[in-house]
Protein backbone atom coordinates (compact mmCIF):
# COMPACT_ATOMS: atom_id res chain seq x y z
CA MET A 1 83.66 -24.66 25.34
CA ASP A 2 83.92 -22.78 28.62
CA ALA A 3 86.03 -19.64 28.27
CA GLY A 4 86.78 -19.50 31.97
CA PRO A 5 85.08 -18.49 35.19
CA ASP A 6 82.26 -15.98 35.18
CA PRO A 7 82.38 -14.27 38.57
CA VAL A 8 79.22 -14.42 40.63
CA GLY A 9 78.80 -12.63 43.93
CA GLU A 10 80.46 -9.53 45.25
CA GLY A 11 84.10 -9.69 46.30
CA ARG A 12 84.66 -13.35 45.47
CA LEU A 13 85.26 -15.52 42.47
CA LEU A 14 82.47 -18.04 42.03
CA THR A 15 81.89 -19.64 38.67
CA ILE A 16 78.38 -20.10 37.35
CA ARG A 17 78.90 -23.86 37.54
CA VAL A 18 79.97 -23.78 41.20
CA PHE A 19 77.16 -21.37 42.06
CA ALA A 20 74.60 -23.68 40.41
CA GLU A 21 76.04 -26.69 42.26
CA ARG A 22 75.74 -24.89 45.62
CA ALA A 23 72.29 -23.45 44.90
CA ILE A 24 70.16 -25.95 46.81
CA ASP A 25 67.31 -24.69 48.97
CA PRO A 26 68.07 -26.10 52.43
CA VAL A 27 64.39 -26.55 53.27
CA THR A 28 63.01 -28.20 50.14
CA GLY A 29 66.07 -29.38 48.22
CA THR A 30 65.02 -27.29 45.20
CA THR A 31 67.92 -26.59 42.84
CA ILE A 32 68.55 -24.25 39.95
CA SER A 33 70.06 -25.22 36.62
CA LYS A 34 73.33 -23.87 35.23
CA SER A 35 71.18 -22.15 32.59
CA THR A 36 69.11 -20.38 35.26
CA ALA A 37 72.29 -19.40 37.09
CA GLY A 38 73.60 -17.89 33.86
CA ASN A 39 70.37 -15.98 33.37
CA LEU A 40 70.74 -14.50 36.86
CA VAL A 41 74.25 -13.32 36.08
CA THR A 42 73.18 -11.62 32.87
CA GLY A 43 70.18 -9.98 34.53
CA ALA A 44 67.57 -11.92 32.59
CA ARG A 45 64.29 -12.38 34.41
CA ILE A 46 63.55 -15.82 35.76
CA LYS A 47 60.48 -17.36 37.35
CA ILE A 48 60.91 -16.99 41.08
CA THR A 49 59.42 -18.98 43.91
CA PRO A 50 60.30 -19.03 47.60
CA GLU A 51 62.26 -22.24 46.95
CA ILE A 52 64.26 -20.68 44.11
CA LEU A 53 65.10 -17.71 46.32
CA GLY A 54 66.28 -20.14 49.01
CA ALA A 55 68.48 -21.90 46.46
CA ILE A 56 69.96 -18.61 45.26
CA ALA A 57 70.76 -17.57 48.83
CA ALA A 58 72.44 -20.91 49.49
CA GLY A 59 74.41 -20.69 46.25
CA LEU A 60 75.72 -17.24 47.10
CA GLY A 61 76.17 -18.01 50.80
CA VAL A 62 74.12 -15.00 51.85
CA PRO A 63 71.07 -14.66 54.11
CA LEU A 64 67.73 -15.52 52.51
CA ARG A 65 66.33 -12.13 53.56
CA LEU A 66 68.92 -10.38 51.40
CA VAL A 67 67.86 -12.37 48.31
CA GLN A 68 64.18 -11.84 49.09
CA ALA A 69 64.70 -8.08 49.37
CA ALA A 70 66.65 -7.96 46.11
CA ALA A 71 63.93 -9.93 44.31
CA ALA A 72 61.20 -7.66 45.70
CA GLU A 73 63.08 -4.60 44.51
CA GLN A 74 63.80 -6.00 41.04
CA TYR A 75 60.41 -7.54 40.32
CA VAL A 76 57.91 -5.20 41.96
CA GLY A 77 59.92 -2.08 42.75
CA LEU A 78 59.60 -2.48 46.51
CA VAL A 79 62.52 -0.78 48.23
CA LEU A 80 63.24 -1.92 51.76
CA ASP A 81 65.21 0.39 54.01
CA ASP A 82 65.97 -1.15 57.39
CA SER A 83 67.30 2.19 58.68
CA ALA A 84 63.82 3.73 58.40
CA ALA A 85 62.42 1.09 60.78
CA SER A 86 64.61 2.34 63.63
CA GLU A 87 63.47 5.96 63.33
């Protein structure tokens, strides 16, 4: 039984179910399951592909680049700093 909404995303209430429903890659139609969405919220590692990243971005309503940068930092330790590019 669902105990209530689990917030997903910063500054907004988005349940895992709603996030999973919205998480559809606009290019390929790839979706993520409610289980995968839950794993993201708890910080569990998931198998990522470009299509999954596109679905996550769509589910959160954020730019794909933001999700790609977060995945690169979490999975391979790559830290992107856009401010350094302008120096």
